[in-house]
Amino acid sequence: MIKAKRTLALALALCMTLISAACEKKTETVGEGVKAKVNDTEISQQEYDEHLAVYKKMVETQYGADAWNQEISPGQTLGGYYESTLLDQLIMDILMT
């Protein structure tokens, strides 16, 4: 009976080790100046900043110079909205091509 308990405990320990090794998530880091990497295509910080500058200019032209910092919902500015959605849009553009 004791031998069976030891065998069971050893088997459970082995299973736990295998499960934890299988669940380990490997992360890939992106290089310096890279905002995101989609498959093998990198979106540079410079590219992101250039697109954001275009959006900022568009917003200021349409709605006025202070529109970028205008609150559009509680805790959300128009500029913050564009900053949060721009990266998603750039990623989708890469995935769709």
PDB file of N, CA and C in Angstrom:
ATOM      1  N   MET A   1       0.825  -1.194   0.000  1.00  0.00           N
ATOM      2  CA  MET A   1       0.000   0.000   0.000  1.00  0.00           C
ATOM      3  C   MET A   1       0.870   1.258   0.000  1.00  0.00           C
ATOM      4  N   ILE A   2       1.940   1.247   0.785  1.00  0.00           N
ATOM      5  CA  ILE A   2       2.835   2.402   0.854  1.00  0.00           C
ATOM      6  C   ILE A   2       3.550   2.585  -0.480  1.00  0.00           C
ATOM      7  N   LYS A   3       3.922   1.464  -1.117  1.00  0.00           N
ATOM      8  CA  LYS A   3       4.599   1.537  -2.405  1.00  0.00           C
ATOM      9  C   LYS A   3       3.663   2.141  -3.460  1.00  0.00           C
ATOM     10  N   ALA A   4       2.403   1.798  -3.410  1.00  0.00           N
ATOM     11  CA  ALA A   4       1.424   2.346  -4.354  1.00  0.00           C
ATOM     12  C   ALA A   4       1.246   3.848  -4.139  1.00  0.00           C
ATOM     13  N   LYS A   5       1.265   4.293  -2.882  1.00  0.00           N
ATOM     14  CA  LYS A   5       1.130   5.725  -2.595  1.00  0.00           C
ATOM     15  C   LYS A   5       2.341   6.487  -3.113  1.00  0.00           C
ATOM     16  N   ARG A   6       3.535   5.906  -2.936  1.00  0.00           N
ATOM     17  CA  ARG A   6       4.756   6.555  -3.431  1.00  0.00           C
ATOM     18  C   ARG A   6       4.729   6.645  -4.952  1.00  0.00           C
ATOM     19  N   THR A   7       4.311   5.574  -5.593  1.00  0.00           N
ATOM     20  CA  THR A   7       4.239   5.563  -7.049  1.00  0.00           C
ATOM     21  C   THR A   7       3.232   6.602  -7.539  1.00  0.00           C
ATOM     22  N   LEU A   8       2.100   6.669  -6.879  1.00  0.00           N
ATOM     23  CA  LEU A   8       1.082   7.649  -7.238  1.00  0.00           C
ATOM     24  C   LEU A   8       1.595   9.077  -7.031  1.00  0.00           C
ATOM     25  N   ALA A   9       2.279   9.316  -5.912  1.00  0.00           N
ATOM     26  CA  ALA A   9       2.827  10.642  -5.628  1.00  0.00           C
ATOM     27  C   ALA A   9       3.881  11.022  -6.664  1.00  0.00           C
ATOM     28  N   LEU A  10       4.718  10.070  -7.044  1.00  0.00           N
ATOM     29  CA  LEU A  10       5.743  10.324  -8.053  1.00  0.00           C
ATOM     30  C   LEU A  10       5.101  10.616  -9.413  1.00  0.00           C
ATOM     31  N   ALA A  11       4.071   9.857  -9.758  1.00  0.00           N
ATOM     32  CA  ALA A  11       3.370  10.073 -11.022  1.00  0.00           C
ATOM     33  C   ALA A  11       2.697  11.445 -11.045  1.00  0.00           C
ATOM     34  N   LEU A  12       2.093  11.835  -9.930  1.00  0.00           N
ATOM     35  CA  LEU A  12       1.459  13.157  -9.855  1.00  0.00           C
ATOM     36  C   LEU A  12       2.495  14.273  -9.969  1.00  0.00           C
ATOM     37  N   ALA A  13       3.634  14.094  -9.311  1.00  0.00           N
ATOM     38  CA  ALA A  13       4.698  15.095  -9.387  1.00  0.00           C
ATOM     39  C   ALA A  13       5.211  15.222 -10.816  1.00  0.00           C
ATOM     40  N   LEU A  14       5.357  14.101 -11.500  1.00  0.00           N
ATOM     41  CA  LEU A  14       5.804  14.115 -12.886  1.00  0.00           C
ATOM     42  C   LEU A  14       4.778  14.813 -13.782  1.00  0.00           C
ATOM     43  N   CYS A  15       3.512  14.522 -13.567  1.00  0.00           N
ATOM     44  CA  CYS A  15       2.445  15.175 -14.342  1.00  0.00           C
ATOM     45  C   CYS A  15       2.439  16.681 -14.117  1.00  0.00           C
ATOM     46  N   MET A  16       2.601  17.104 -12.880  1.00  0.00           N
ATOM     47  CA  MET A  16       2.620  18.539 -12.565  1.00  0.00           C
ATOM     48  C   MET A  16       3.803  19.220 -13.252  1.00  0.00           C
ATOM     49  N   THR A  17       4.946  18.555 -13.266  1.00  0.00           N
ATOM     50  CA  THR A  17       6.126  19.116 -13.917  1.00  0.00           C
ATOM     51  C   THR A  17       5.891  19.264 -15.414  1.00  0.00           C
ATOM     52  N   LEU A  18       5.340  18.235 -16.030  1.00  0.00           N
ATOM     53  CA  LEU A  18       5.069  18.286 -17.469  1.00  0.00           C
ATOM     54  C   LEU A  18       4.030  19.349 -17.812  1.00  0.00           C
ATOM     55  N   ILE A  19       3.008  19.471 -16.999  1.00  0.00           N
ATOM     56  CA  ILE A  19       1.967  20.468 -17.243  1.00  0.00           C
ATOM     57  C   ILE A  19       2.530  21.879 -17.124  1.00  0.00           C
ATOM     58  N   SER A  20       3.326  22.124 -16.098  1.00  0.00           N
ATOM     59  CA  SER A  20       3.878  23.469 -15.923  1.00  0.00           C
ATOM     60  C   SER A  20       4.856  23.804 -17.040  1.00  0.00           C
ATOM     61  N   ALA A  21       5.601  22.825 -17.533  1.00  0.00           N
ATOM     62  CA  ALA A  21       6.515  23.073 -18.647  1.00  0.00           C
ATOM     63  C   ALA A  21       5.741  23.340 -19.932  1.00  0.00           C
ATOM     64  N   ALA A  22       4.646  22.654 -20.138  1.00  0.00           N
ATOM     65  CA  ALA A  22       3.842  22.839 -21.349  1.00  0.00           C
ATOM     66  C   ALA A  22       3.122  24.179 -21.347  1.00  0.00           C
ATOM     67  N   CYS A  23       2.804  24.695 -20.185  1.00  0.00           N
ATOM     68  CA  CYS A  23       2.060  25.951 -20.088  1.00  0.00           C
ATOM     69  C   CYS A  23       2.962  27.174 -20.101  1.00  0.00           C
ATOM     70  N   GLU A  24       4.259  26.967 -20.088  1.00  0.00           N
ATOM     71  CA  GLU A  24       5.174  28.092 -20.063  1.00  0.00           C
ATOM     72  C   GLU A  24       5.060  28.867 -21.362  1.00  0.00           C
ATOM     73  N   LYS A  25       4.811  30.154 -21.247  1.00  0.00           N
ATOM     74  CA  LYS A  25       4.646  30.996 -22.422  1.00  0.00           C
ATOM     75  C   LYS A  25       5.990  31.613 -22.767  1.00  0.00           C
ATOM     76  N   LYS A  26       6.389  31.434 -23.988  1.00  0.00           N
ATOM     77  CA  LYS A  26       7.640  32.020 -24.442  1.00  0.00           C
ATOM     78  C   LYS A  26       7.319  33.351 -25.092  1.00  0.00           C
ATOM     79  N   THR A  27       7.982  34.386 -24.642  1.00  0.00           N
ATOM     80  CA  THR A  27       7.738  35.708 -25.201  1.00  0.00           C
ATOM     81  C   THR A  27       8.901  36.095 -26.090  1.00  0.00           C
ATOM     82  N   GLU A  28       8.570  36.770 -27.163  1.00  0.00           N
ATOM     83  CA  GLU A  28       9.587  37.242 -28.077  1.00  0.00           C
ATOM     84  C   GLU A  28       9.673  38.749 -27.909  1.00  0.00           C
ATOM     85  N   THR A  29      10.853  39.236 -27.667  1.00  0.00           N
ATOM     86  CA  THR A  29      11.017  40.668 -27.484  1.00  0.00           C
ATOM     87  C   THR A  29      11.253  41.322 -28.836  1.00  0.00           C
ATOM     88  N   VAL A  30      10.814  42.540 -28.947  1.00  0.00           N
ATOM     89  CA  VAL A  30      11.044  43.297 -30.169  1.00  0.00           C
ATOM     90  C   VAL A  30      12.236  44.203 -29.942  1.00  0.00           C
ATOM     91  N   GLY A  31      12.862  44.601 -31.021  1.00  0.00           N
ATOM     92  CA  GLY A  31      14.066  45.403 -30.931  1.00  0.00           C
ATOM     93  C   GLY A  31      13.809  46.831 -30.486  1.00  0.00           C
ATOM     94  N   GLU A  32      14.890  47.522 -30.266  1.00  0.00           N
ATOM     95  CA  GLU A  32      14.845  48.930 -29.862  1.00  0.00           C
ATOM     96  C   GLU A  32      14.203  49.754 -30.972  1.00  0.00           C
ATOM     97  N   GLY A  33      13.286  50.614 -30.624  1.00  0.00           N
ATOM     98  CA  GLY A  33      12.624  51.468 -31.600  1.00  0.00           C
ATOM     99  C   GLY A  33      11.514  50.785 -32.372  1.00  0.00           C
ATOM    100  N   VAL A  34      11.147  49.574 -31.945  1.00  0.00           N
ATOM    101  CA  VAL A  34      10.080  48.836 -32.620  1.00  0.00           C
ATOM    102  C   VAL A  34       8.847  48.877 -31.735  1.00  0.00           C
ATOM    103  N   LYS A  35       7.757  49.379 -32.274  1.00  0.00           N
ATOM    104  CA  LYS A  35       6.502  49.494 -31.522  1.00  0.00           C
ATOM    105  C   LYS A  35       5.789  48.156 -31.447  1.00  0.00           C
ATOM    106  N   ALA A  36       5.801  47.390 -32.558  1.00  0.00           N
ATOM    107  CA  ALA A  36       5.147  46.078 -32.594  1.00  0.00           C
ATOM    108  C   ALA A  36       5.753  45.256 -33.718  1.00  0.00           C
ATOM    109  N   LYS A  37       5.582  43.950 -33.601  1.00  0.00           N
ATOM    110  CA  LYS A  37       6.035  43.036 -34.649  1.00  0.00           C
ATOM    111  C   LYS A  37       4.869  42.136 -35.009  1.00  0.00           C
ATOM    112  N   VAL A  38       4.511  42.128 -36.293  1.00  0.00           N
ATOM    113  CA  VAL A  38       3.403  41.319 -36.791  1.00  0.00           C
ATOM    114  C   VAL A  38       3.995  40.317 -37.768  1.00  0.00           C
ATOM    115  N   ASN A  39       3.940  39.044 -37.391  1.00  0.00           N
ATOM    116  CA  ASN A  39       4.611  37.994 -38.157  1.00  0.00           C
ATOM    117  C   ASN A  39       6.076  38.397 -38.316  1.00  0.00           C
ATOM    118  N   ASP A  40       6.546  38.681 -39.511  1.00  0.00           N
ATOM    119  CA  ASP A  40       7.939  39.096 -39.699  1.00  0.00           C
ATOM    120  C   ASP A  40       8.064  40.584 -39.997  1.00  0.00           C
ATOM    121  N   THR A  41       6.969  41.313 -39.939  1.00  0.00           N
ATOM    122  CA  THR A  41       6.965  42.737 -40.249  1.00  0.00           C
ATOM    123  C   THR A  41       6.974  43.551 -38.963  1.00  0.00           C
ATOM    124  N   GLU A  42       7.894  44.505 -38.903  1.00  0.00           N
ATOM    125  CA  GLU A  42       7.988  45.363 -37.719  1.00  0.00           C
ATOM    126  C   GLU A  42       7.332  46.710 -37.995  1.00  0.00           C
ATOM    127  N   ILE A  43       6.679  47.235 -36.980  1.00  0.00           N
ATOM    128  CA  ILE A  43       6.140  48.593 -37.014  1.00  0.00           C
ATOM    129  C   ILE A  43       7.049  49.415 -36.113  1.00  0.00           C
ATOM    130  N   SER A  44       7.781  50.330 -36.721  1.00  0.00           N
ATOM    131  CA  SER A  44       8.747  51.110 -35.946  1.00  0.00           C
ATOM    132  C   SER A  44       8.048  52.212 -35.156  1.00  0.00           C
ATOM    133  N   GLN A  45       8.731  52.662 -34.123  1.00  0.00           N
ATOM    134  CA  GLN A  45       8.214  53.781 -33.330  1.00  0.00           C
ATOM    135  C   GLN A  45       8.102  55.019 -34.207  1.00  0.00           C
ATOM    136  N   GLN A  46       9.070  55.184 -35.115  1.00  0.00           N
ATOM    137  CA  GLN A  46       9.053  56.336 -36.016  1.00  0.00           C
ATOM    138  C   GLN A  46       7.835  56.295 -36.936  1.00  0.00           C
ATOM    139  N   GLU A  47       7.535  55.125 -37.495  1.00  0.00           N
ATOM    140  CA  GLU A  47       6.360  54.978 -38.362  1.00  0.00           C
ATOM    141  C   GLU A  47       5.081  55.291 -37.583  1.00  0.00           C
ATOM    142  N   TYR A  48       4.994  54.774 -36.354  1.00  0.00           N
ATOM    143  CA  TYR A  48       3.834  55.036 -35.497  1.00  0.00           C
ATOM    144  C   TYR A  48       3.694  56.537 -35.235  1.00  0.00           C
ATOM    145  N   ASP A  49       4.810  57.181 -34.888  1.00  0.00           N
ATOM    146  CA  ASP A  49       4.785  58.615 -34.593  1.00  0.00           C
ATOM    147  C   ASP A  49       4.383  59.440 -35.816  1.00  0.00           C
ATOM    148  N   GLU A  50       4.850  59.022 -37.010  1.00  0.00           N
ATOM    149  CA  GLU A  50       4.491  59.740 -38.233  1.00  0.00           C
ATOM    150  C   GLU A  50       2.992  59.644 -38.508  1.00  0.00           C
ATOM    151  N   HIS A  51       2.430  58.460 -38.352  1.00  0.00           N
ATOM    152  CA  HIS A  51       0.988  58.287 -38.552  1.00  0.00           C
ATOM    153  C   HIS A  51       0.200  59.094 -37.514  1.00  0.00           C
ATOM    154  N   LEU A  52       0.675  59.079 -36.279  1.00  0.00           N
ATOM    155  CA  LEU A  52      -0.009  59.817 -35.221  1.00  0.00           C
ATOM    156  C   LEU A  52       0.026  61.318 -35.499  1.00  0.00           C
ATOM    157  N   ALA A  53       1.146  61.811 -36.035  1.00  0.00           N
ATOM    158  CA  ALA A  53       1.253  63.231 -36.374  1.00  0.00           C
ATOM    159  C   ALA A  53       0.250  63.610 -37.463  1.00  0.00           C
ATOM    160  N   VAL A  54       0.030  62.710 -38.421  1.00  0.00           N
ATOM    161  CA  VAL A  54      -0.957  62.967 -39.478  1.00  0.00           C
ATOM    162  C   VAL A  54      -2.352  63.071 -38.873  1.00  0.00           C
ATOM    163  N   TYR A  55      -2.677  62.147 -37.976  1.00  0.00           N
ATOM    164  CA  TYR A  55      -3.994  62.190 -37.323  1.00  0.00           C
ATOM    165  C   TYR A  55      -4.151  63.460 -36.489  1.00  0.00           C
ATOM    166  N   LYS A  56      -3.083  63.845 -35.790  1.00  0.00           N
ATOM    167  CA  LYS A  56      -3.155  65.048 -34.958  1.00  0.00           C
ATOM    168  C   LYS A  56      -3.400  66.278 -35.830  1.00  0.00           C
ATOM    169  N   LYS A  57      -2.695  66.360 -36.947  1.00  0.00           N
ATOM    170  CA  LYS A  57      -2.872  67.491 -37.863  1.00  0.00           C
ATOM    171  C   LYS A  57      -4.298  67.512 -38.418  1.00  0.00           C
ATOM    172  N   MET A  58      -4.819  66.332 -38.767  1.00  0.00           N
ATOM    173  CA  MET A  58      -6.179  66.231 -39.299  1.00  0.00           C
ATOM    174  C   MET A  58      -7.205  66.703 -38.261  1.00  0.00           C
ATOM    175  N   VAL A  59      -7.049  66.241 -37.023  1.00  0.00           N
ATOM    176  CA  VAL A  59      -7.983  66.612 -35.956  1.00  0.00           C
ATOM    177  C   VAL A  59      -7.923  68.110 -35.695  1.00  0.00           C
ATOM    178  N   GLU A  60      -6.709  68.666 -35.630  1.00  0.00           N
ATOM    179  CA  GLU A  60      -6.566  70.094 -35.365  1.00  0.00           C
ATOM    180  C   GLU A  60      -7.115  70.934 -36.513  1.00  0.00           C
ATOM    181  N   THR A  61      -6.988  70.440 -37.743  1.00  0.00           N
ATOM    182  CA  THR A  61      -7.524  71.164 -38.900  1.00  0.00           C
ATOM    183  C   THR A  61      -9.050  71.158 -38.886  1.00  0.00           C
ATOM    184  N   GLN A  62      -9.631  70.011 -38.564  1.00  0.00           N
ATOM    185  CA  GLN A  62     -11.089  69.899 -38.594  1.00  0.00           C
ATOM    186  C   GLN A  62     -11.766  70.523 -37.381  1.00  0.00           C
ATOM    187  N   TYR A  63     -11.177  70.351 -36.197  1.00  0.00           N
ATOM    188  CA  TYR A  63     -11.879  70.727 -34.965  1.00  0.00           C
ATOM    189  C   TYR A  63     -11.222  71.845 -34.161  1.00  0.00           C
ATOM    190  N   GLY A  64     -10.058  72.319 -34.584  1.00  0.00           N
ATOM    191  CA  GLY A  64      -9.396  73.396 -33.869  1.00  0.00           C
ATOM    192  C   GLY A  64      -8.133  72.925 -33.166  1.00  0.00           C
ATOM    193  N   ALA A  65      -7.305  73.900 -32.787  1.00  0.00           N
ATOM    194  CA  ALA A  65      -5.986  73.604 -32.231  1.00  0.00           C
ATOM    195  C   ALA A  65      -6.030  72.848 -30.911  1.00  0.00           C
ATOM    196  N   ASP A  66      -7.054  73.055 -30.113  1.00  0.00           N
ATOM    197  CA  ASP A  66      -7.105  72.404 -28.801  1.00  0.00           C
ATOM    198  C   ASP A  66      -7.922  71.109 -28.805  1.00  0.00           C
ATOM    199  N   ALA A  67      -8.365  70.674 -29.975  1.00  0.00           N
ATOM    200  CA  ALA A  67      -9.237  69.494 -30.052  1.00  0.00           C
ATOM    201  C   ALA A  67      -8.526  68.206 -29.642  1.00  0.00           C
ATOM    202  N   TRP A  68      -7.225  68.119 -29.855  1.00  0.00           N
ATOM    203  CA  TRP A  68      -6.477  66.899 -29.535  1.00  0.00           C
ATOM    204  C   TRP A  68      -6.591  66.548 -28.053  1.00  0.00           C
ATOM    205  N   ASN A  69      -6.636  67.571 -27.209  1.00  0.00           N
ATOM    206  CA  ASN A  69      -6.710  67.358 -25.758  1.00  0.00           C
ATOM    207  C   ASN A  69      -8.133  67.438 -25.215  1.00  0.00           C
ATOM    208  N   GLN A  70      -9.101  67.606 -26.093  1.00  0.00           N
ATOM    209  CA  GLN A  70     -10.495  67.707 -25.667  1.00  0.00           C
ATOM    210  C   GLN A  70     -11.006  66.346 -25.209  1.00  0.00           C
ATOM    211  N   GLU A  71     -11.716  66.354 -24.085  1.00  0.00           N
ATOM    212  CA  GLU A  71     -12.265  65.116 -23.537  1.00  0.00           C
ATOM    213  C   GLU A  71     -13.527  64.729 -24.314  1.00  0.00           C
ATOM    214  N   ILE A  72     -13.526  63.498 -24.850  1.00  0.00           N
ATOM    215  CA  ILE A  72     -14.679  63.028 -25.627  1.00  0.00           C
ATOM    216  C   ILE A  72     -15.571  62.093 -24.819  1.00  0.00           C
ATOM    217  N   SER A  73     -15.031  61.531 -23.774  1.00  0.00           N
ATOM    218  CA  SER A  73     -15.789  60.732 -22.811  1.00  0.00           C
ATOM    219  C   SER A  73     -15.018  60.802 -21.499  1.00  0.00           C
ATOM    220  N   PRO A  74     -15.620  60.433 -20.388  1.00  0.00           N
ATOM    221  CA  PRO A  74     -14.922  60.549 -19.106  1.00  0.00           C
ATOM    222  C   PRO A  74     -13.561  59.839 -19.116  1.00  0.00           C
ATOM    223  N   GLY A  75     -12.503  60.624 -18.942  1.00  0.00           N
ATOM    224  CA  GLY A  75     -11.151  60.080 -18.891  1.00  0.00           C
ATOM    225  C   GLY A  75     -10.540  59.767 -20.243  1.00  0.00           C
ATOM    226  N   GLN A  76     -11.187  60.135 -21.333  1.00  0.00           N
ATOM    227  CA  GLN A  76     -10.700  59.815 -22.685  1.00  0.00           C
ATOM    228  C   GLN A  76     -10.667  61.076 -23.531  1.00  0.00           C
ATOM    229  N   THR A  77      -9.471  61.452 -23.990  1.00  0.00           N
ATOM    230  CA  THR A  77      -9.352  62.590 -24.898  1.00  0.00           C
ATOM    231  C   THR A  77      -9.362  62.090 -26.331  1.00  0.00           C
ATOM    232  N   LEU A  78      -9.566  63.015 -27.251  1.00  0.00           N
ATOM    233  CA  LEU A  78      -9.558  62.649 -28.664  1.00  0.00           C
ATOM    234  C   LEU A  78      -8.177  62.135 -29.068  1.00  0.00           C
ATOM    235  N   GLY A  79      -7.137  62.793 -28.578  1.00  0.00           N
ATOM    236  CA  GLY A  79      -5.774  62.328 -28.856  1.00  0.00           C
ATOM    237  C   GLY A  79      -5.515  60.952 -28.264  1.00  0.00           C
ATOM    238  N   GLY A  80      -5.990  60.731 -27.059  1.00  0.00           N
ATOM    239  CA  GLY A  80      -5.839  59.420 -26.425  1.00  0.00           C
ATOM    240  C   GLY A  80      -6.552  58.327 -27.191  1.00  0.00           C
ATOM    241  N   TYR A  81      -7.698  58.669 -27.751  1.00  0.00           N
ATOM    242  CA  TYR A  81      -8.436  57.704 -28.566  1.00  0.00           C
ATOM    243  C   TYR A  81      -7.611  57.293 -29.783  1.00  0.00           C
ATOM    244  N   TYR A  82      -7.062  58.283 -30.492  1.00  0.00           N
ATOM    245  CA  TYR A  82      -6.261  57.966 -31.673  1.00  0.00           C
ATOM    246  C   TYR A  82      -4.995  57.201 -31.296  1.00  0.00           C
ATOM    247  N   GLU A  83      -4.376  57.554 -30.178  1.00  0.00           N
ATOM    248  CA  GLU A  83      -3.179  56.838 -29.737  1.00  0.00           C
ATOM    249  C   GLU A  83      -3.480  55.371 -29.440  1.00  0.00           C
ATOM    250  N   SER A  84      -4.634  55.111 -28.856  1.00  0.00           N
ATOM    251  CA  SER A  84      -4.962  53.732 -28.482  1.00  0.00           C
ATOM    252  C   SER A  84      -5.437  52.895 -29.665  1.00  0.00           C
ATOM    253  N   THR A  85      -5.992  53.521 -30.690  1.00  0.00           N
ATOM    254  CA  THR A  85      -6.505  52.741 -31.824  1.00  0.00           C
ATOM    255  C   THR A  85      -5.545  52.679 -33.008  1.00  0.00           C
ATOM    256  N   LEU A  86      -4.561  53.566 -33.053  1.00  0.00           N
ATOM    257  CA  LEU A  86      -3.656  53.609 -34.196  1.00  0.00           C
ATOM    258  C   LEU A  86      -2.861  52.317 -34.350  1.00  0.00           C
ATOM    259  N   LEU A  87      -2.312  51.800 -33.274  1.00  0.00           N
ATOM    260  CA  LEU A  87      -1.507  50.581 -33.370  1.00  0.00           C
ATOM    261  C   LEU A  87      -2.356  49.411 -33.862  1.00  0.00           C
ATOM    262  N   ASP A  88      -3.579  49.316 -33.370  1.00  0.00           N
ATOM    263  CA  ASP A  88      -4.481  48.264 -33.852  1.00  0.00           C
ATOM    264  C   ASP A  88      -4.723  48.397 -35.353  1.00  0.00           C
ATOM    265  N   GLN A  89      -4.884  49.618 -35.816  1.00  0.00           N
ATOM    266  CA  GLN A  89      -5.127  49.851 -37.236  1.00  0.00           C
ATOM    267  C   GLN A  89      -3.904  49.473 -38.070  1.00  0.00           C
ATOM    268  N   LEU A  90      -2.712  49.840 -37.609  1.00  0.00           N
ATOM    269  CA  LEU A  90      -1.491  49.496 -38.341  1.00  0.00           C
ATOM    270  C   LEU A  90      -1.297  47.983 -38.410  1.00  0.00           C
ATOM    271  N   ILE A  91      -1.609  47.298 -37.326  1.00  0.00           N
ATOM    272  CA  ILE A  91      -1.504  45.835 -37.301  1.00  0.00           C
ATOM    273  C   ILE A  91      -2.498  45.221 -38.278  1.00  0.00           C
ATOM    274  N   MET A  92      -3.723  45.716 -38.282  1.00  0.00           N
ATOM    275  CA  MET A  92      -4.735  45.193 -39.208  1.00  0.00           C
ATOM    276  C   MET A  92      -4.335  45.443 -40.662  1.00  0.00           C
ATOM    277  N   ASP A  93      -3.729  46.595 -40.939  1.00  0.00           N
ATOM    278  CA  ASP A  93      -3.269  46.883 -42.299  1.00  0.00           C
ATOM    279  C   ASP A  93      -2.248  45.849 -42.758  1.00  0.00           C
ATOM    280  N   ILE A  94      -1.349  45.464 -41.874  1.00  0.00           N
ATOM    281  CA  ILE A  94      -0.340  44.456 -42.219  1.00  0.00           C
ATOM    282  C   ILE A  94      -0.991  43.098 -42.422  1.00  0.00           C
ATOM    283  N   LEU A  95      -1.911  42.746 -41.553  1.00  0.00           N
ATOM    284  CA  LEU A  95      -2.558  41.440 -41.656  1.00  0.00           C
ATOM    285  C   LEU A  95      -3.424  41.313 -42.904  1.00  0.00           C
ATOM    286  N   MET A  96      -3.989  42.417 -43.369  1.00  0.00           N
ATOM    287  CA  MET A  96      -4.879  42.379 -44.526  1.00  0.00           C
ATOM    288  C   MET A  96      -4.123  42.401 -45.854  1.00  0.00           C
ATOM    289  N   THR A  97      -2.828  42.690 -45.831  1.00  0.00           N
ATOM    290  CA  THR A  97      -2.058  42.722 -47.085  1.00  0.00           C
ATOM    291  C   THR A  97      -1.353  41.422 -47.326  1.00  0.00           C
TER     292      THR A  97
END
